[in-house]
């Protein structure tokens, strides 16, 4: 029997936030690896570049 409740799908803002969270996690992993290896690095433009 149908309940009449549509499944929730993330809207545009929620998808944006999820994408930024994934990007932030990726950047944190990259910078941690570079720091651990002693490789000098710089992030230019903050999160303007998506890998």
C-alpha atoms as a PDB file:
ATOM      1  CA  UNK A   1       0.000   0.000   0.000  1.00  0.00           C
ATOM      2  CA  UNK A   2       1.368   3.413  -0.962  1.00  0.00           C
ATOM      3  CA  UNK A   3       1.892   5.867   1.868  1.00  0.00           C
ATOM      4  CA  UNK A   4       1.743   8.949  -0.330  1.00  0.00           C
ATOM      5  CA  UNK A   5       5.137  10.104   0.895  1.00  0.00           C
ATOM      6  CA  UNK A   6       7.661  10.779  -1.845  1.00  0.00           C
ATOM      7  CA  UNK A   7      11.256   9.769  -1.130  1.00  0.00           C
ATOM      8  CA  UNK A   8      13.418  12.742  -0.219  1.00  0.00           C
ATOM      9  CA  UNK A   9      16.038  13.630  -2.777  1.00  0.00           C
ATOM     10  CA  UNK A  10      18.633  16.271  -1.999  1.00  0.00           C
ATOM     11  CA  UNK A  11      17.977  19.659  -3.505  1.00  0.00           C
ATOM     12  CA  UNK A  12      20.505  21.863  -5.234  1.00  0.00           C
ATOM     13  CA  UNK A  13      21.896  23.375  -2.015  1.00  0.00           C
ATOM     14  CA  UNK A  14      22.228  19.984  -0.326  1.00  0.00           C
ATOM     15  CA  UNK A  15      24.071  18.564  -3.358  1.00  0.00           C
ATOM     16  CA  UNK A  16      26.397  21.587  -3.335  1.00  0.00           C
ATOM     17  CA  UNK A  17      27.150  21.112   0.364  1.00  0.00           C
ATOM     18  CA  UNK A  18      27.801  17.383  -0.123  1.00  0.00           C
ATOM     19  CA  UNK A  19      30.161  18.137  -3.031  1.00  0.00           C
ATOM     20  CA  UNK A  20      32.035  20.724  -0.966  1.00  0.00           C
ATOM     21  CA  UNK A  21      32.339  18.249   1.915  1.00  0.00           C
ATOM     22  CA  UNK A  22      33.832  15.662  -0.456  1.00  0.00           C
ATOM     23  CA  UNK A  23      36.216  18.251  -1.859  1.00  0.00           C
ATOM     24  CA  UNK A  24      37.283  19.378   1.613  1.00  0.00           C
ATOM     25  CA  UNK A  25      37.939  15.769   2.636  1.00  0.00           C
ATOM     26  CA  UNK A  26      39.988  15.198  -0.527  1.00  0.00           C
ATOM     27  CA  UNK A  27      42.047  18.346   0.031  1.00  0.00           C
ATOM     28  CA  UNK A  28      42.666  17.337   3.655  1.00  0.00           C
ATOM     29  CA  UNK A  29      43.914  13.896   2.562  1.00  0.00           C
ATOM     30  CA  UNK A  30      46.162  15.417  -0.112  1.00  0.00           C
ATOM     31  CA  UNK A  31      47.690  18.011   2.189  1.00  0.00           C
ATOM     32  CA  UNK A  32      48.202  15.409   4.944  1.00  0.00           C
ATOM     33  CA  UNK A  33      50.034  13.123   2.518  1.00  0.00           C
ATOM     34  CA  UNK A  34      52.205  15.949   1.195  1.00  0.00           C
ATOM     35  CA  UNK A  35      53.038  17.097   4.728  1.00  0.00           C
ATOM     36  CA  UNK A  36      53.874  13.543   5.812  1.00  0.00           C
ATOM     37  CA  UNK A  37      56.269  13.171   2.840  1.00  0.00           C
ATOM     38  CA  UNK A  38      57.821  16.571   3.479  1.00  0.00           C
ATOM     39  CA  UNK A  39      56.783  17.933   0.099  1.00  0.00           C
ATOM     40  CA  UNK A  40      56.347  21.716   0.080  1.00  0.00           C
ATOM     41  CA  UNK A  41      53.013  22.795  -1.377  1.00  0.00           C
ATOM     42  CA  UNK A  42      50.630  25.713  -1.621  1.00  0.00           C
ATOM     43  CA  UNK A  43      46.901  25.789  -2.238  1.00  0.00           C
ATOM     44  CA  UNK A  44      45.994  28.590  -4.589  1.00  0.00           C
ATOM     45  CA  UNK A  45      42.444  29.837  -4.820  1.00  0.00           C
ATOM     46  CA  UNK A  46      41.175  27.905  -1.830  1.00  0.00           C
ATOM     47  CA  UNK A  47      38.538  25.465  -3.026  1.00  0.00           C
ATOM     48  CA  UNK A  48      38.083  27.100  -6.411  1.00  0.00           C
ATOM     49  CA  UNK A  49      39.693  24.160  -8.196  1.00  0.00           C
ATOM     50  CA  UNK A  50      37.810  20.876  -8.201  1.00  0.00           C
ATOM     51  CA  UNK A  51      39.978  17.866  -8.919  1.00  0.00           C
END
